[in-house]
Amino acid sequence: MDRNMIFGGNPFGVAIRLALISIVVGIVMKALGIDLSNFFQRINELLRNIYDLGFGAVEWVLEYMLLGALVVVPIWLIARVVGAARSKTE
């Protein structure tokens, strides 16, 4: 395996390209108000918001499912008992 295959080209050229791309991305991040002091704090907030959003949806679904189960399960149970009693008499 040679260096060009590992780095994707001349290592010096790759280092220059990575440095230029890093500068551009750094400028964009600074314009968005993200700097080194609050980068990890913002990542933590993002992950917490995604976590809360996901479990908020699960909580919403469970609430409606339990509410519907208050009606559906007793009706299903009655139908099963009546069906079992009807099949025994026949």
PDB file of N, CA and C in Angstrom:
ATOM      1  N   MET A   1       0.840  -1.176   0.000  1.00  0.00           N
ATOM      2  CA  MET A   1       0.000   0.000   0.000  1.00  0.00           C
ATOM      3  C   MET A   1       0.886   1.240   0.000  1.00  0.00           C
ATOM      4  N   ASP A   2       0.614   2.155  -0.910  1.00  0.00           N
ATOM      5  CA  ASP A   2       1.462   3.331  -0.921  1.00  0.00           C
ATOM      6  C   ASP A   2       0.722   4.544  -0.348  1.00  0.00           C
ATOM      7  N   ARG A   3       1.460   5.630  -0.110  1.00  0.00           N
ATOM      8  CA  ARG A   3       0.907   6.833   0.541  1.00  0.00           C
ATOM      9  C   ARG A   3      -0.256   7.434  -0.224  1.00  0.00           C
ATOM     10  N   ASN A   4      -0.170   7.464  -1.539  1.00  0.00           N
ATOM     11  CA  ASN A   4      -1.229   8.083  -2.342  1.00  0.00           C
ATOM     12  C   ASN A   4      -2.556   7.361  -2.160  1.00  0.00           C
ATOM     13  N   MET A   5      -2.489   6.053  -1.988  1.00  0.00           N
ATOM     14  CA  MET A   5      -3.722   5.291  -1.804  1.00  0.00           C
ATOM     15  C   MET A   5      -4.314   5.555  -0.420  1.00  0.00           C
ATOM     16  N   ILE A   6      -3.471   5.683   0.592  1.00  0.00           N
ATOM     17  CA  ILE A   6      -3.947   5.919   1.959  1.00  0.00           C
ATOM     18  C   ILE A   6      -4.535   7.320   2.105  1.00  0.00           C
ATOM     19  N   PHE A   7      -3.825   8.327   1.593  1.00  0.00           N
ATOM     20  CA  PHE A   7      -4.243   9.720   1.785  1.00  0.00           C
ATOM     21  C   PHE A   7      -5.180  10.221   0.691  1.00  0.00           C
ATOM     22  N   GLY A   8      -5.285   9.527  -0.411  1.00  0.00           N
ATOM     23  CA  GLY A   8      -6.125   9.985  -1.510  1.00  0.00           C
ATOM     24  C   GLY A   8      -5.402  10.963  -2.408  1.00  0.00           C
ATOM     25  N   GLY A   9      -4.119  10.906  -2.429  1.00  0.00           N
ATOM     26  CA  GLY A   9      -3.308  11.796  -3.259  1.00  0.00           C
ATOM     27  C   GLY A   9      -2.021  12.122  -2.541  1.00  0.00           C
ATOM     28  N   ASN A  10      -1.345  13.141  -3.036  1.00  0.00           N
ATOM     29  CA  ASN A  10      -0.109  13.601  -2.420  1.00  0.00           C
ATOM     30  C   ASN A  10      -0.412  14.074  -0.989  1.00  0.00           C
ATOM     31  N   PRO A  11       0.275  13.534   0.026  1.00  0.00           N
ATOM     32  CA  PRO A  11      -0.032  13.907   1.407  1.00  0.00           C
ATOM     33  C   PRO A  11       0.028  15.410   1.673  1.00  0.00           C
ATOM     34  N   PHE A  12       0.994  16.108   1.049  1.00  0.00           N
ATOM     35  CA  PHE A  12       1.086  17.553   1.236  1.00  0.00           C
ATOM     36  C   PHE A  12      -0.129  18.258   0.635  1.00  0.00           C
ATOM     37  N   GLY A  13      -0.556  17.834  -0.543  1.00  0.00           N
ATOM     38  CA  GLY A  13      -1.735  18.423  -1.191  1.00  0.00           C
ATOM     39  C   GLY A  13      -3.006  18.154  -0.403  1.00  0.00           C
ATOM     40  N   VAL A  14      -3.106  16.943   0.139  1.00  0.00           N
ATOM     41  CA  VAL A  14      -4.272  16.589   0.954  1.00  0.00           C
ATOM     42  C   VAL A  14      -4.315  17.440   2.215  1.00  0.00           C
ATOM     43  N   ALA A  15      -3.160  17.661   2.848  1.00  0.00           N
ATOM     44  CA  ALA A  15      -3.097  18.487   4.055  1.00  0.00           C
ATOM     45  C   ALA A  15      -3.514  19.925   3.755  1.00  0.00           C
ATOM     46  N   ILE A  16      -3.096  20.460   2.613  1.00  0.00           N
ATOM     47  CA  ILE A  16      -3.476  21.826   2.228  1.00  0.00           C
ATOM     48  C   ILE A  16      -4.986  21.909   1.991  1.00  0.00           C
ATOM     49  N   ARG A  17      -5.542  20.946   1.267  1.00  0.00           N
ATOM     50  CA  ARG A  17      -6.991  20.945   1.011  1.00  0.00           C
ATOM     51  C   ARG A  17      -7.780  20.841   2.312  1.00  0.00           C
ATOM     52  N   LEU A  18      -7.345  19.960   3.210  1.00  0.00           N
ATOM     53  CA  LEU A  18      -8.037  19.826   4.496  1.00  0.00           C
ATOM     54  C   LEU A  18      -7.955  21.111   5.311  1.00  0.00           C
ATOM     55  N   ALA A  19      -6.811  21.784   5.271  1.00  0.00           N
ATOM     56  CA  ALA A  19      -6.661  23.045   6.003  1.00  0.00           C
ATOM     57  C   ALA A  19      -7.607  24.106   5.444  1.00  0.00           C
ATOM     58  N   LEU A  20      -7.709  24.215   4.124  1.00  0.00           N
ATOM     59  CA  LEU A  20      -8.590  25.218   3.511  1.00  0.00           C
ATOM     60  C   LEU A  20     -10.064  24.916   3.808  1.00  0.00           C
ATOM     61  N   ILE A  21     -10.441  23.651   3.702  1.00  0.00           N
ATOM     62  CA  ILE A  21     -11.827  23.277   4.004  1.00  0.00           C
ATOM     63  C   ILE A  21     -12.126  23.535   5.471  1.00  0.00           C
ATOM     64  N   SER A  22     -11.177  23.271   6.351  1.00  0.00           N
ATOM     65  CA  SER A  22     -11.373  23.518   7.781  1.00  0.00           C
ATOM     66  C   SER A  22     -11.571  24.999   8.063  1.00  0.00           C
ATOM     67  N   ILE A  23     -10.831  25.855   7.360  1.00  0.00           N
ATOM     68  CA  ILE A  23     -10.995  27.302   7.545  1.00  0.00           C
ATOM     69  C   ILE A  23     -12.386  27.737   7.111  1.00  0.00           C
ATOM     70  N   VAL A  24     -12.853  27.247   5.967  1.00  0.00           N
ATOM     71  CA  VAL A  24     -14.181  27.625   5.472  1.00  0.00           C
ATOM     72  C   VAL A  24     -15.268  27.149   6.441  1.00  0.00           C
ATOM     73  N   VAL A  25     -15.171  25.907   6.900  1.00  0.00           N
ATOM     74  CA  VAL A  25     -16.161  25.381   7.838  1.00  0.00           C
ATOM     75  C   VAL A  25     -16.102  26.150   9.153  1.00  0.00           C
ATOM     76  N   GLY A  26     -14.898  26.523   9.596  1.00  0.00           N
ATOM     77  CA  GLY A  26     -14.755  27.318  10.814  1.00  0.00           C
ATOM     78  C   GLY A  26     -15.421  28.678  10.696  1.00  0.00           C
ATOM     79  N   ILE A  27     -15.306  29.313   9.543  1.00  0.00           N
ATOM     80  CA  ILE A  27     -15.954  30.611   9.319  1.00  0.00           C
ATOM     81  C   ILE A  27     -17.463  30.464   9.370  1.00  0.00           C
ATOM     82  N   VAL A  28     -17.993  29.427   8.738  1.00  0.00           N
ATOM     83  CA  VAL A  28     -19.442  29.194   8.741  1.00  0.00           C
ATOM     84  C   VAL A  28     -19.934  28.933  10.162  1.00  0.00           C
ATOM     85  N   MET A  29     -19.203  28.109  10.907  1.00  0.00           N
ATOM     86  CA  MET A  29     -19.623  27.799  12.277  1.00  0.00           C
ATOM     87  C   MET A  29     -19.575  29.037  13.167  1.00  0.00           C
ATOM     88  N   LYS A  30     -18.562  29.874  12.998  1.00  0.00           N
ATOM     89  CA  LYS A  30     -18.458  31.105  13.786  1.00  0.00           C
ATOM     90  C   LYS A  30     -19.609  32.047  13.426  1.00  0.00           C
ATOM     91  N   ALA A  31     -20.001  32.086  12.150  1.00  0.00           N
ATOM     92  CA  ALA A  31     -21.125  32.926  11.726  1.00  0.00           C
ATOM     93  C   ALA A  31     -22.433  32.430  12.336  1.00  0.00           C
ATOM     94  N   LEU A  32     -22.533  31.127  12.601  1.00  0.00           N
ATOM     95  CA  LEU A  32     -23.725  30.557  13.230  1.00  0.00           C
ATOM     96  C   LEU A  32     -23.686  30.671  14.752  1.00  0.00           C
ATOM     97  N   GLY A  33     -22.614  31.250  15.277  1.00  0.00           N
ATOM     98  CA  GLY A  33     -22.512  31.445  16.720  1.00  0.00           C
ATOM     99  C   GLY A  33     -21.940  30.257  17.460  1.00  0.00           C
ATOM    100  N   ILE A  34     -21.298  29.359  16.743  1.00  0.00           N
ATOM    101  CA  ILE A  34     -20.708  28.182  17.378  1.00  0.00           C
ATOM    102  C   ILE A  34     -19.204  28.405  17.461  1.00  0.00           C
ATOM    103  N   ASP A  35     -18.659  28.337  18.670  1.00  0.00           N
ATOM    104  CA  ASP A  35     -17.211  28.420  18.821  1.00  0.00           C
ATOM    105  C   ASP A  35     -16.728  27.277  19.701  1.00  0.00           C
ATOM    106  N   LEU A  36     -15.445  27.242  19.948  1.00  0.00           N
ATOM    107  CA  LEU A  36     -14.878  26.109  20.684  1.00  0.00           C
ATOM    108  C   LEU A  36     -15.430  26.004  22.094  1.00  0.00           C
ATOM    109  N   SER A  37     -15.765  27.132  22.703  1.00  0.00           N
ATOM    110  CA  SER A  37     -16.219  27.081  24.094  1.00  0.00           C
ATOM    111  C   SER A  37     -17.610  26.487  24.239  1.00  0.00           C
ATOM    112  N   ASN A  38     -18.458  26.637  23.232  1.00  0.00           N
ATOM    113  CA  ASN A  38     -19.811  26.112  23.381  1.00  0.00           C
ATOM    114  C   ASN A  38     -20.157  25.000  22.390  1.00  0.00           C
ATOM    115  N   PHE A  39     -19.175  24.487  21.670  1.00  0.00           N
ATOM    116  CA  PHE A  39     -19.441  23.450  20.678  1.00  0.00           C
ATOM    117  C   PHE A  39     -20.042  22.204  21.315  1.00  0.00           C
ATOM    118  N   PHE A  40     -19.386  21.701  22.357  1.00  0.00           N
ATOM    119  CA  PHE A  40     -19.880  20.476  22.989  1.00  0.00           C
ATOM    120  C   PHE A  40     -21.192  20.720  23.730  1.00  0.00           C
ATOM    121  N   GLN A  41     -21.377  21.927  24.237  1.00  0.00           N
ATOM    122  CA  GLN A  41     -22.651  22.270  24.885  1.00  0.00           C
ATOM    123  C   GLN A  41     -23.788  22.232  23.862  1.00  0.00           C
ATOM    124  N   ARG A  42     -23.542  22.772  22.680  1.00  0.00           N
ATOM    125  CA  ARG A  42     -24.579  22.754  21.630  1.00  0.00           C
ATOM    126  C   ARG A  42     -24.852  21.332  21.134  1.00  0.00           C
ATOM    127  N   ILE A  43     -23.829  20.508  21.023  1.00  0.00           N
ATOM    128  CA  ILE A  43     -24.026  19.111  20.627  1.00  0.00           C
ATOM    129  C   ILE A  43     -24.870  18.399  21.681  1.00  0.00           C
ATOM    130  N   ASN A  44     -24.571  18.655  22.951  1.00  0.00           N
ATOM    131  CA  ASN A  44     -25.334  18.062  24.049  1.00  0.00           C
ATOM    132  C   ASN A  44     -26.798  18.509  24.001  1.00  0.00           C
ATOM    133  N   GLU A  45     -27.040  19.794  23.754  1.00  0.00           N
ATOM    134  CA  GLU A  45     -28.406  20.306  23.643  1.00  0.00           C
ATOM    135  C   GLU A  45     -29.128  19.673  22.463  1.00  0.00           C
ATOM    136  N   LEU A  46     -28.436  19.523  21.347  1.00  0.00           N
ATOM    137  CA  LEU A  46     -29.039  18.905  20.161  1.00  0.00           C
ATOM    138  C   LEU A  46     -29.451  17.466  20.449  1.00  0.00           C
ATOM    139  N   LEU A  47     -28.561  16.708  21.056  1.00  0.00           N
ATOM    140  CA  LEU A  47     -28.883  15.315  21.371  1.00  0.00           C
ATOM    141  C   LEU A  47     -30.025  15.222  22.383  1.00  0.00           C
ATOM    142  N   ARG A  48     -30.037  16.120  23.363  1.00  0.00           N
ATOM    143  CA  ARG A  48     -31.123  16.126  24.354  1.00  0.00           C
ATOM    144  C   ARG A  48     -32.460  16.469  23.702  1.00  0.00           C
ATOM    145  N   ASN A  49     -32.464  17.443  22.778  1.00  0.00           N
ATOM    146  CA  ASN A  49     -33.709  17.804  22.086  1.00  0.00           C
ATOM    147  C   ASN A  49     -34.216  16.661  21.218  1.00  0.00           C
ATOM    148  N   ILE A  50     -33.307  15.972  20.535  1.00  0.00           N
ATOM    149  CA  ILE A  50     -33.715  14.826  19.718  1.00  0.00           C
ATOM    150  C   ILE A  50     -34.275  13.722  20.612  1.00  0.00           C
ATOM    151  N   TYR A  51     -33.619  13.478  21.745  1.00  0.00           N
ATOM    152  CA  TYR A  51     -34.084  12.467  22.704  1.00  0.00           C
ATOM    153  C   TYR A  51     -35.472  12.828  23.227  1.00  0.00           C
ATOM    154  N   ASP A  52     -35.650  14.094  23.623  1.00  0.00           N
ATOM    155  CA  ASP A  52     -36.947  14.529  24.144  1.00  0.00           C
ATOM    156  C   ASP A  52     -38.027  14.446  23.074  1.00  0.00           C
ATOM    157  N   LEU A  53     -37.680  14.813  21.850  1.00  0.00           N
ATOM    158  CA  LEU A  53     -38.646  14.758  20.758  1.00  0.00           C
ATOM    159  C   LEU A  53     -39.088  13.320  20.506  1.00  0.00           C
ATOM    160  N   GLY A  54     -38.152  12.399  20.499  1.00  0.00           N
ATOM    161  CA  GLY A  54     -38.486  10.993  20.261  1.00  0.00           C
ATOM    162  C   GLY A  54     -39.355  10.421  21.352  1.00  0.00           C
ATOM    163  N   PHE A  55     -38.991  10.656  22.600  1.00  0.00           N
ATOM    164  CA  PHE A  55     -39.773  10.096  23.691  1.00  0.00           C
ATOM    165  C   PHE A  55     -41.070  10.866  23.919  1.00  0.00           C
ATOM    166  N   GLY A  56     -41.117  12.119  23.493  1.00  0.00           N
ATOM    167  CA  GLY A  56     -42.377  12.855  23.531  1.00  0.00           C
ATOM    168  C   GLY A  56     -43.392  12.218  22.594  1.00  0.00           C
ATOM    169  N   ALA A  57     -42.927  11.783  21.427  1.00  0.00           N
ATOM    170  CA  ALA A  57     -43.811  11.115  20.473  1.00  0.00           C
ATOM    171  C   ALA A  57     -44.264   9.767  21.019  1.00  0.00           C
ATOM    172  N   VAL A  58     -43.358   9.031  21.657  1.00  0.00           N
ATOM    173  CA  VAL A  58     -43.713   7.733  22.238  1.00  0.00           C
ATOM    174  C   VAL A  58     -44.742   7.920  23.345  1.00  0.00           C
ATOM    175  N   GLU A  59     -44.540   8.948  24.167  1.00  0.00           N
ATOM    176  CA  GLU A  59     -45.493   9.228  25.247  1.00  0.00           C
ATOM    177  C   GLU A  59     -46.865   9.574  24.682  1.00  0.00           C
ATOM    178  N   TRP A  60     -46.881  10.356  23.597  1.00  0.00           N
ATOM    179  CA  TRP A  60     -48.144  10.735  22.957  1.00  0.00           C
ATOM    180  C   TRP A  60     -48.872   9.496  22.454  1.00  0.00           C
ATOM    181  N   VAL A  61     -48.145   8.587  21.782  1.00  0.00           N
ATOM    182  CA  VAL A  61     -48.753   7.366  21.238  1.00  0.00           C
ATOM    183  C   VAL A  61     -49.272   6.486  22.369  1.00  0.00           C
ATOM    184  N   LEU A  62     -48.474   6.322  23.424  1.00  0.00           N
ATOM    185  CA  LEU A  62     -48.904   5.478  24.539  1.00  0.00           C
ATOM    186  C   LEU A  62     -50.148   6.031  25.220  1.00  0.00           C
ATOM    187  N   GLU A  63     -50.243   7.345  25.347  1.00  0.00           N
ATOM    188  CA  GLU A  63     -51.417   7.946  25.983  1.00  0.00           C
ATOM    189  C   GLU A  63     -52.685   7.615  25.199  1.00  0.00           C
ATOM    190  N   TYR A  64     -52.642   7.780  23.877  1.00  0.00           N
ATOM    191  CA  TYR A  64     -53.821   7.480  23.065  1.00  0.00           C
ATOM    192  C   TYR A  64     -54.100   5.988  23.007  1.00  0.00           C
ATOM    193  N   MET A  65     -53.041   5.176  23.003  1.00  0.00           N
ATOM    194  CA  MET A  65     -53.238   3.730  22.973  1.00  0.00           C
ATOM    195  C   MET A  65     -53.923   3.264  24.259  1.00  0.00           C
ATOM    196  N   LEU A  66     -53.486   3.758  25.403  1.00  0.00           N
ATOM    197  CA  LEU A  66     -54.109   3.368  26.671  1.00  0.00           C
ATOM    198  C   LEU A  66     -55.543   3.857  26.761  1.00  0.00           C
ATOM    199  N   LEU A  67     -55.790   5.060  26.259  1.00  0.00           N
ATOM    200  CA  LEU A  67     -57.148   5.594  26.260  1.00  0.00           C
ATOM    201  C   LEU A  67     -58.070   4.737  25.403  1.00  0.00           C
ATOM    202  N   GLY A  68     -57.601   4.338  24.232  1.00  0.00           N
ATOM    203  CA  GLY A  68     -58.400   3.476  23.367  1.00  0.00           C
ATOM    204  C   GLY A  68     -58.559   2.082  23.942  1.00  0.00           C
ATOM    205  N   ALA A  69     -57.531   1.599  24.640  1.00  0.00           N
ATOM    206  CA  ALA A  69     -57.588   0.259  25.231  1.00  0.00           C
ATOM    207  C   ALA A  69     -58.638   0.173  26.323  1.00  0.00           C
ATOM    208  N   LEU A  70     -58.972   1.298  26.946  1.00  0.00           N
ATOM    209  CA  LEU A  70     -60.033   1.298  27.958  1.00  0.00           C
ATOM    210  C   LEU A  70     -61.363   0.859  27.374  1.00  0.00           C
ATOM    211  N   VAL A  71     -61.564   1.078  26.090  1.00  0.00           N
ATOM    212  CA  VAL A  71     -62.805   0.688  25.425  1.00  0.00           C
ATOM    213  C   VAL A  71     -62.627  -0.618  24.662  1.00  0.00           C
ATOM    214  N   VAL A  72     -61.530  -0.745  23.933  1.00  0.00           N
ATOM    215  CA  VAL A  72     -61.340  -1.877  23.017  1.00  0.00           C
ATOM    216  C   VAL A  72     -61.160  -3.189  23.764  1.00  0.00           C
ATOM    217  N   VAL A  73     -60.333  -3.216  24.794  1.00  0.00           N
ATOM    218  CA  VAL A  73     -60.037  -4.474  25.489  1.00  0.00           C
ATOM    219  C   VAL A  73     -61.270  -5.067  26.165  1.00  0.00           C
ATOM    220  N   PRO A  74     -62.087  -4.295  26.886  1.00  0.00           N
ATOM    221  CA  PRO A  74     -63.300  -4.910  27.464  1.00  0.00           C
ATOM    222  C   PRO A  74     -64.260  -5.444  26.401  1.00  0.00           C
ATOM    223  N   ILE A  75     -64.400  -4.713  25.291  1.00  0.00           N
ATOM    224  CA  ILE A  75     -65.274  -5.198  24.214  1.00  0.00           C
ATOM    225  C   ILE A  75     -64.711  -6.483  23.624  1.00  0.00           C
ATOM    226  N   TRP A  76     -63.420  -6.552  23.417  1.00  0.00           N
ATOM    227  CA  TRP A  76     -62.787  -7.751  22.891  1.00  0.00           C
ATOM    228  C   TRP A  76     -62.972  -8.921  23.866  1.00  0.00           C
ATOM    229  N   LEU A  77     -62.779  -8.637  25.157  1.00  0.00           N
ATOM    230  CA  LEU A  77     -62.934  -9.683  26.159  1.00  0.00           C
ATOM    231  C   LEU A  77     -64.363 -10.221  26.178  1.00  0.00           C
ATOM    232  N   ILE A  78     -65.347  -9.330  26.130  1.00  0.00           N
ATOM    233  CA  ILE A  78     -66.759  -9.747  26.110  1.00  0.00           C
ATOM    234  C   ILE A  78     -67.037 -10.581  24.862  1.00  0.00           C
ATOM    235  N   ALA A  79     -66.503 -10.136  23.723  1.00  0.00           N
ATOM    236  CA  ALA A  79     -66.719 -10.881  22.480  1.00  0.00           C
ATOM    237  C   ALA A  79     -66.093 -12.271  22.557  1.00  0.00           C
ATOM    238  N   ARG A  80     -64.933 -12.404  23.166  1.00  0.00           N
ATOM    239  CA  ARG A  80     -64.287 -13.707  23.309  1.00  0.00           C
ATOM    240  C   ARG A  80     -65.095 -14.619  24.222  1.00  0.00           C
ATOM    241  N   VAL A  81     -65.584 -14.081  25.336  1.00  0.00           N
ATOM    242  CA  VAL A  81     -66.372 -14.892  26.276  1.00  0.00           C
ATOM    243  C   VAL A  81     -67.667 -15.341  25.621  1.00  0.00           C
ATOM    244  N   VAL A  82     -68.339 -14.428  24.936  1.00  0.00           N
ATOM    245  CA  VAL A  82     -69.596 -14.769  24.265  1.00  0.00           C
ATOM    246  C   VAL A  82     -69.335 -15.778  23.149  1.00  0.00           C
ATOM    247  N   GLY A  83     -68.267 -15.590  22.406  1.00  0.00           N
ATOM    248  CA  GLY A  83     -67.919 -16.536  21.327  1.00  0.00           C
ATOM    249  C   GLY A  83     -67.584 -17.913  21.883  1.00  0.00           C
ATOM    250  N   ALA A  84     -66.875 -17.963  22.993  1.00  0.00           N
ATOM    251  CA  ALA A  84     -66.542 -19.264  23.607  1.00  0.00           C
ATOM    252  C   ALA A  84     -67.787 -19.944  24.140  1.00  0.00           C
ATOM    253  N   ALA A  85     -68.698 -19.186  24.747  1.00  0.00           N
ATOM    254  CA  ALA A  85     -69.931 -19.766  25.282  1.00  0.00           C
ATOM    255  C   ALA A  85     -70.822 -20.251  24.142  1.00  0.00           C
ATOM    256  N   ARG A  86     -70.853 -19.527  23.058  1.00  0.00           N
ATOM    257  CA  ARG A  86     -71.674 -19.887  21.911  1.00  0.00           C
ATOM    258  C   ARG A  86     -71.136 -21.155  21.255  1.00  0.00           C
ATOM    259  N   SER A  87     -69.805 -21.308  21.169  1.00  0.00           N
ATOM    260  CA  SER A  87     -69.237 -22.492  20.520  1.00  0.00           C
ATOM    261  C   SER A  87     -69.422 -23.742  21.403  1.00  0.00           C
ATOM    262  N   LYS A  88     -69.530 -23.604  22.716  1.00  0.00           N
ATOM    263  CA  LYS A  88     -69.743 -24.742  23.596  1.00  0.00           C
ATOM    264  C   LYS A  88     -71.164 -25.265  23.484  1.00  0.00           C
ATOM    265  N   THR A  89     -72.124 -24.376  23.275  1.00  0.00           N
ATOM    266  CA  THR A  89     -73.523 -24.809  23.197  1.00  0.00           C
ATOM    267  C   THR A  89     -73.810 -25.474  21.855  1.00  0.00           C
ATOM    268  N   GLU A  90     -73.052 -25.237  20.869  1.00  0.00           N
ATOM    269  CA  GLU A  90     -73.321 -25.838  19.550  1.00  0.00           C
ATOM    270  C   GLU A  90     -72.690 -27.149  19.385  1.00  0.00           C
TER     271      GLU A  90
END
